[in-house]
Amino acid sequence: MLCLGFILLLVLESSLGAAFPRDALKKSCSLSKYQFLAPRELDAVQKMKDQFKNAMLLLDLKCHTKLFHRNWNTAELSVPDRVMLVEAELDLATAMLELPAGSPLALFAKTHQRPLAFLTQAQEDLRSCMATENPAHQLSRKLRHWLQKLETAKQTETTGCLGASAILHISQVLHDLRCAALQERCT
């Protein structure tokens, strides 16, 4: 009887193993919750952006890099490129929102806590996706050029300019996040 139970267990394991591959147990990449962003998250981001726009005159920034001015649309990128693009954009945005109290962006500490929490969660979800994606993926020329432009801006622009760019273009970052979540359906 014990032998029959063992054989039955082996048969079940092999048939379930075919139905549920071992890779399915790994953390999957699901960005579906970002296809349609919650109104409260959008409102919090918009409130932060509006407050920043109103106070921007006080900062007297002289910025040169136009990081978010691109001559291509996110939908033109492959799905893995979209994920990598928005992950880099979120890295910049969260880094700017996490700046210490002495930075010019600290004036907005109260209004950026909720957007920061939301963007940080999205960033973590994107990193999980990148860990499950094909590591041999070749970046498109468009994305490679933009990432190079981002690195140059990080080295040449002031923190205030990088933060202003990230906050003023946060709607574009959210659009890119949605596009990455929609995958092939993004147009």
C-alpha atoms as a PDB file:
ATOM      1  CA  MET A   1       0.000   0.000   0.000  1.00  0.00           C
ATOM      2  CA  LEU A   2       2.867   2.383   0.846  1.00  0.00           C
ATOM      3  CA  CYS A   3       4.497   1.601  -2.488  1.00  0.00           C
ATOM      4  CA  LEU A   4       1.242   2.354  -4.344  1.00  0.00           C
ATOM      5  CA  GLY A   5       0.976   5.706  -2.536  1.00  0.00           C
ATOM      6  CA  PHE A   6       4.545   6.554  -3.482  1.00  0.00           C
ATOM      7  CA  ILE A   7       3.900   5.692  -7.149  1.00  0.00           C
ATOM      8  CA  LEU A   8       0.725   7.808  -7.107  1.00  0.00           C
ATOM      9  CA  LEU A   9       2.689  10.693  -5.615  1.00  0.00           C
ATOM     10  CA  LEU A  10       5.321  10.432  -8.368  1.00  0.00           C
ATOM     11  CA  VAL A  11       2.642  10.369 -11.082  1.00  0.00           C
ATOM     12  CA  LEU A  12       0.924  13.424  -9.584  1.00  0.00           C
ATOM     13  CA  GLU A  13       4.203  15.298  -9.259  1.00  0.00           C
ATOM     14  CA  SER A  14       5.174  14.651 -12.870  1.00  0.00           C
ATOM     15  CA  SER A  15       1.750  15.594 -14.247  1.00  0.00           C
ATOM     16  CA  LEU A  16       1.445  18.705 -12.062  1.00  0.00           C
ATOM     17  CA  GLY A  17       5.029  19.599 -12.905  1.00  0.00           C
ATOM     18  CA  ALA A  18       4.054  19.742 -16.574  1.00  0.00           C
ATOM     19  CA  ALA A  19       0.950  21.809 -15.824  1.00  0.00           C
ATOM     20  CA  PHE A  20       2.777  24.170 -13.466  1.00  0.00           C
ATOM     21  CA  PRO A  21       6.410  24.572 -14.507  1.00  0.00           C
ATOM     22  CA  ARG A  22       8.930  25.213 -11.766  1.00  0.00           C
ATOM     23  CA  ASP A  23       9.565  28.696 -13.199  1.00  0.00           C
ATOM     24  CA  ALA A  24       5.947  29.576 -12.408  1.00  0.00           C
ATOM     25  CA  LEU A  25       6.858  29.476  -8.741  1.00  0.00           C
ATOM     26  CA  LYS A  26       9.284  32.348  -9.263  1.00  0.00           C
ATOM     27  CA  LYS A  27       7.989  35.826  -8.690  1.00  0.00           C
ATOM     28  CA  SER A  28       6.139  36.819 -11.831  1.00  0.00           C
ATOM     29  CA  CYS A  29       6.185  40.175 -13.496  1.00  0.00           C
ATOM     30  CA  SER A  30       2.783  41.761 -13.191  1.00  0.00           C
ATOM     31  CA  LEU A  31       2.380  45.464 -13.700  1.00  0.00           C
ATOM     32  CA  SER A  32      -1.356  45.241 -14.382  1.00  0.00           C
ATOM     33  CA  LYS A  33      -2.203  47.406 -11.360  1.00  0.00           C
ATOM     34  CA  TYR A  34      -0.512  50.322 -13.163  1.00  0.00           C
ATOM     35  CA  GLN A  35      -2.679  50.069 -16.291  1.00  0.00           C
ATOM     36  CA  PHE A  36      -5.249  52.323 -14.656  1.00  0.00           C
ATOM     37  CA  LEU A  37      -3.870  54.463 -11.863  1.00  0.00           C
ATOM     38  CA  ALA A  38      -6.013  55.158  -8.818  1.00  0.00           C
ATOM     39  CA  PRO A  39      -7.514  58.665  -8.758  1.00  0.00           C
ATOM     40  CA  ARG A  40      -6.190  59.319  -5.231  1.00  0.00           C
ATOM     41  CA  GLU A  41      -2.633  58.600  -6.420  1.00  0.00           C
ATOM     42  CA  LEU A  42      -3.053  60.827  -9.466  1.00  0.00           C
ATOM     43  CA  ASP A  43      -4.523  63.601  -7.301  1.00  0.00           C
ATOM     44  CA  ALA A  44      -1.633  63.407  -4.837  1.00  0.00           C
ATOM     45  CA  VAL A  45       0.919  63.586  -7.661  1.00  0.00           C
ATOM     46  CA  GLN A  46      -0.910  66.499  -9.300  1.00  0.00           C
ATOM     47  CA  LYS A  47      -1.124  68.386  -5.983  1.00  0.00           C
ATOM     48  CA  MET A  48       2.625  67.980  -5.482  1.00  0.00           C
ATOM     49  CA  LYS A  49       3.331  69.117  -9.049  1.00  0.00           C
ATOM     50  CA  ASP A  50       1.026  72.157  -8.735  1.00  0.00           C
ATOM     51  CA  GLN A  51       2.606  73.229  -5.451  1.00  0.00           C
ATOM     52  CA  PHE A  52       6.052  72.878  -6.991  1.00  0.00           C
ATOM     53  CA  LYS A  53       5.063  74.940 -10.048  1.00  0.00           C
ATOM     54  CA  ASN A  54       3.751  77.726  -7.812  1.00  0.00           C
ATOM     55  CA  ALA A  55       6.942  77.853  -5.779  1.00  0.00           C
ATOM     56  CA  MET A  56       9.364  77.363  -8.654  1.00  0.00           C
ATOM     57  CA  LEU A  57       9.879  81.096  -9.043  1.00  0.00           C
ATOM     58  CA  LEU A  58      11.517  81.143  -5.618  1.00  0.00           C
ATOM     59  CA  LEU A  59      14.118  78.588  -6.678  1.00  0.00           C
ATOM     60  CA  ASP A  60      15.639  80.691  -9.490  1.00  0.00           C
ATOM     61  CA  LEU A  61      16.861  77.638 -11.410  1.00  0.00           C
ATOM     62  CA  LYS A  62      18.969  77.924 -14.548  1.00  0.00           C
ATOM     63  CA  CYS A  63      18.727  74.488 -16.113  1.00  0.00           C
ATOM     64  CA  HIS A  64      20.125  73.375 -19.446  1.00  0.00           C
ATOM     65  CA  THR A  65      19.198  69.721 -19.907  1.00  0.00           C
ATOM     66  CA  LYS A  66      15.806  68.927 -21.345  1.00  0.00           C
ATOM     67  CA  LEU A  67      15.717  65.374 -20.150  1.00  0.00           C
ATOM     68  CA  PHE A  68      12.083  64.620 -20.855  1.00  0.00           C
ATOM     69  CA  HIS A  69      11.948  66.291 -24.262  1.00  0.00           C
ATOM     70  CA  ARG A  70      12.237  63.319 -26.607  1.00  0.00           C
ATOM     71  CA  ASN A  71      11.541  63.049 -30.305  1.00  0.00           C
ATOM     72  CA  TRP A  72      10.047  59.584 -29.892  1.00  0.00           C
ATOM     73  CA  ASN A  73       7.048  58.079 -28.143  1.00  0.00           C
ATOM     74  CA  THR A  74       7.330  55.442 -25.415  1.00  0.00           C
ATOM     75  CA  ALA A  75       5.015  53.145 -27.388  1.00  0.00           C
ATOM     76  CA  GLU A  76       7.714  52.940 -30.087  1.00  0.00           C
ATOM     77  CA  LEU A  77       9.968  51.022 -27.667  1.00  0.00           C
ATOM     78  CA  SER A  78       9.856  47.279 -27.085  1.00  0.00           C
ATOM     79  CA  VAL A  79       8.151  46.167 -23.871  1.00  0.00           C
ATOM     80  CA  PRO A  80      11.477  45.406 -22.082  1.00  0.00           C
ATOM     81  CA  ASP A  81      12.786  48.832 -23.155  1.00  0.00           C
ATOM     82  CA  ARG A  82       9.659  50.495 -21.756  1.00  0.00           C
ATOM     83  CA  VAL A  83      10.193  48.788 -18.409  1.00  0.00           C
ATOM     84  CA  MET A  84      13.823  49.913 -18.350  1.00  0.00           C
ATOM     85  CA  LEU A  85      12.885  53.472 -19.350  1.00  0.00           C
ATOM     86  CA  VAL A  86      10.281  53.932 -16.643  1.00  0.00           C
ATOM     87  CA  GLU A  87      12.516  52.257 -14.076  1.00  0.00           C
ATOM     88  CA  ALA A  88      15.240  54.834 -14.820  1.00  0.00           C
ATOM     89  CA  GLU A  89      12.674  57.665 -14.703  1.00  0.00           C
ATOM     90  CA  LEU A  90      11.361  56.413 -11.359  1.00  0.00           C
ATOM     91  CA  ASP A  91      14.903  56.122 -10.012  1.00  0.00           C
ATOM     92  CA  LEU A  92      15.418  59.805 -10.773  1.00  0.00           C
ATOM     93  CA  ALA A  93      12.031  60.894  -9.417  1.00  0.00           C
ATOM     94  CA  THR A  94      12.298  58.950  -6.158  1.00  0.00           C
ATOM     95  CA  ALA A  95      15.906  60.056  -5.611  1.00  0.00           C
ATOM     96  CA  MET A  96      14.833  63.686  -5.975  1.00  0.00           C
ATOM     97  CA  LEU A  97      11.837  63.284  -3.666  1.00  0.00           C
ATOM     98  CA  GLU A  98      14.004  61.582  -1.013  1.00  0.00           C
ATOM     99  CA  LEU A  99      16.467  64.492  -0.779  1.00  0.00           C
ATOM    100  CA  PRO A 100      17.380  65.663   2.729  1.00  0.00           C
ATOM    101  CA  ALA A 101      15.867  68.656   4.497  1.00  0.00           C
ATOM    102  CA  GLY A 102      18.506  71.126   3.280  1.00  0.00           C
ATOM    103  CA  SER A 103      17.662  70.709  -0.410  1.00  0.00           C
ATOM    104  CA  PRO A 104      15.424  73.131  -2.340  1.00  0.00           C
ATOM    105  CA  LEU A 105      12.899  70.355  -2.911  1.00  0.00           C
ATOM    106  CA  ALA A 106      12.465  69.855   0.841  1.00  0.00           C
ATOM    107  CA  LEU A 107       9.955  72.722   0.756  1.00  0.00           C
ATOM    108  CA  PHE A 108       7.465  70.198  -0.583  1.00  0.00           C
ATOM    109  CA  ALA A 109       8.025  67.482   2.012  1.00  0.00           C
ATOM    110  CA  LYS A 110       4.382  67.385   3.106  1.00  0.00           C
ATOM    111  CA  THR A 111       2.910  67.035  -0.378  1.00  0.00           C
ATOM    112  CA  HIS A 112       5.422  64.561  -1.726  1.00  0.00           C
ATOM    113  CA  GLN A 113       5.153  61.800   0.891  1.00  0.00           C
ATOM    114  CA  ARG A 114       2.202  60.027  -0.734  1.00  0.00           C
ATOM    115  CA  PRO A 115       3.564  60.328  -4.307  1.00  0.00           C
ATOM    116  CA  LEU A 116       6.949  59.127  -3.053  1.00  0.00           C
ATOM    117  CA  ALA A 117       5.384  56.027  -1.467  1.00  0.00           C
ATOM    118  CA  PHE A 118       3.445  55.269  -4.660  1.00  0.00           C
ATOM    119  CA  LEU A 119       6.463  55.809  -6.936  1.00  0.00           C
ATOM    120  CA  THR A 120       8.694  53.724  -4.665  1.00  0.00           C
ATOM    121  CA  GLN A 121       6.220  50.827  -4.821  1.00  0.00           C
ATOM    122  CA  ALA A 122       6.087  51.089  -8.619  1.00  0.00           C
ATOM    123  CA  GLN A 123       9.884  51.155  -8.697  1.00  0.00           C
ATOM    124  CA  GLU A 124      10.077  47.958  -6.617  1.00  0.00           C
ATOM    125  CA  ASP A 125       7.538  46.248  -8.882  1.00  0.00           C
ATOM    126  CA  LEU A 126       9.519  47.256 -11.964  1.00  0.00           C
ATOM    127  CA  ARG A 127      12.746  45.947 -10.446  1.00  0.00           C
ATOM    128  CA  SER A 128      11.026  42.606  -9.817  1.00  0.00           C
ATOM    129  CA  CYS A 129      10.017  42.547 -13.472  1.00  0.00           C
ATOM    130  CA  MET A 130      13.504  43.370 -14.619  1.00  0.00           C
ATOM    131  CA  ALA A 131      14.861  40.507 -12.503  1.00  0.00           C
ATOM    132  CA  THR A 132      12.537  38.026 -14.265  1.00  0.00           C
ATOM    133  CA  GLU A 133      13.112  39.414 -17.767  1.00  0.00           C
ATOM    134  CA  ASN A 134      15.706  38.242 -20.255  1.00  0.00           C
ATOM    135  CA  PRO A 135      19.091  39.567 -19.049  1.00  0.00           C
ATOM    136  CA  ALA A 136      20.466  39.299 -22.613  1.00  0.00           C
ATOM    137  CA  HIS A 137      17.996  41.909 -23.905  1.00  0.00           C
ATOM    138  CA  GLN A 138      19.671  44.454 -26.181  1.00  0.00           C
ATOM    139  CA  LEU A 139      18.632  48.058 -25.575  1.00  0.00           C
ATOM    140  CA  SER A 140      17.295  49.988 -28.526  1.00  0.00           C
ATOM    141  CA  ARG A 141      19.367  52.879 -29.832  1.00  0.00           C
ATOM    142  CA  LYS A 142      16.658  55.326 -28.655  1.00  0.00           C
ATOM    143  CA  LEU A 143      16.701  54.079 -25.096  1.00  0.00           C
ATOM    144  CA  ARG A 144      20.489  53.749 -24.966  1.00  0.00           C
ATOM    145  CA  HIS A 145      20.814  57.383 -26.113  1.00  0.00           C
ATOM    146  CA  TRP A 146      18.257  58.593 -23.530  1.00  0.00           C
ATOM    147  CA  LEU A 147      19.947  56.687 -20.698  1.00  0.00           C
ATOM    148  CA  GLN A 148      23.247  58.245 -21.729  1.00  0.00           C
ATOM    149  CA  LYS A 149      21.583  61.683 -21.678  1.00  0.00           C
ATOM    150  CA  LEU A 150      20.257  60.933 -18.175  1.00  0.00           C
ATOM    151  CA  GLU A 151      23.721  59.975 -16.904  1.00  0.00           C
ATOM    152  CA  THR A 152      25.227  63.137 -18.410  1.00  0.00           C
ATOM    153  CA  ALA A 153      22.502  65.243 -16.759  1.00  0.00           C
ATOM    154  CA  LYS A 154      23.186  63.613 -13.381  1.00  0.00           C
ATOM    155  CA  GLN A 155      26.827  64.644 -13.679  1.00  0.00           C
ATOM    156  CA  THR A 156      26.351  68.162 -15.070  1.00  0.00           C
ATOM    157  CA  GLU A 157      23.051  69.514 -13.731  1.00  0.00           C
ATOM    158  CA  THR A 158      22.362  70.769 -10.243  1.00  0.00           C
ATOM    159  CA  THR A 159      20.187  68.737  -7.925  1.00  0.00           C
ATOM    160  CA  GLY A 160      17.565  71.492  -8.122  1.00  0.00           C
ATOM    161  CA  CYS A 161      17.414  71.219 -11.916  1.00  0.00           C
ATOM    162  CA  LEU A 162      17.190  67.428 -11.839  1.00  0.00           C
ATOM    163  CA  GLY A 163      14.447  67.605  -9.219  1.00  0.00           C
ATOM    164  CA  ALA A 164      12.541  70.273 -11.123  1.00  0.00           C
ATOM    165  CA  SER A 165      12.715  68.214 -14.298  1.00  0.00           C
ATOM    166  CA  ALA A 166      11.537  65.068 -12.506  1.00  0.00           C
ATOM    167  CA  ILE A 167       8.624  66.799 -10.765  1.00  0.00           C
ATOM    168  CA  LEU A 168       7.489  68.917 -13.702  1.00  0.00           C
ATOM    169  CA  HIS A 169       7.452  65.847 -15.953  1.00  0.00           C
ATOM    170  CA  ILE A 170       6.011  63.407 -13.424  1.00  0.00           C
ATOM    171  CA  SER A 171       2.874  63.056 -15.574  1.00  0.00           C
ATOM    172  CA  GLN A 172       5.059  61.740 -18.386  1.00  0.00           C
ATOM    173  CA  VAL A 173       6.657  59.266 -15.987  1.00  0.00           C
ATOM    174  CA  LEU A 174       3.186  58.040 -14.991  1.00  0.00           C
ATOM    175  CA  HIS A 175       2.229  57.770 -18.674  1.00  0.00           C
ATOM    176  CA  ASP A 176       5.373  55.729 -19.322  1.00  0.00           C
ATOM    177  CA  LEU A 177       4.546  53.507 -16.330  1.00  0.00           C
ATOM    178  CA  ARG A 178       1.074  52.903 -17.713  1.00  0.00           C
ATOM    179  CA  CYS A 179       2.523  52.173 -21.150  1.00  0.00           C
ATOM    180  CA  ALA A 180       4.928  49.607 -19.683  1.00  0.00           C
ATOM    181  CA  ALA A 181       2.026  47.978 -17.821  1.00  0.00           C
ATOM    182  CA  LEU A 182      -0.129  47.832 -20.964  1.00  0.00           C
ATOM    183  CA  GLN A 183       2.718  46.047 -22.781  1.00  0.00           C
ATOM    184  CA  GLU A 184       1.780  45.457 -26.441  1.00  0.00           C
ATOM    185  CA  ARG A 185      -1.535  47.301 -26.004  1.00  0.00           C
ATOM    186  CA  CYS A 186       0.216  50.651 -25.469  1.00  0.00           C
ATOM    187  CA  THR A 187      -0.206  52.888 -28.480  1.00  0.00           C
END
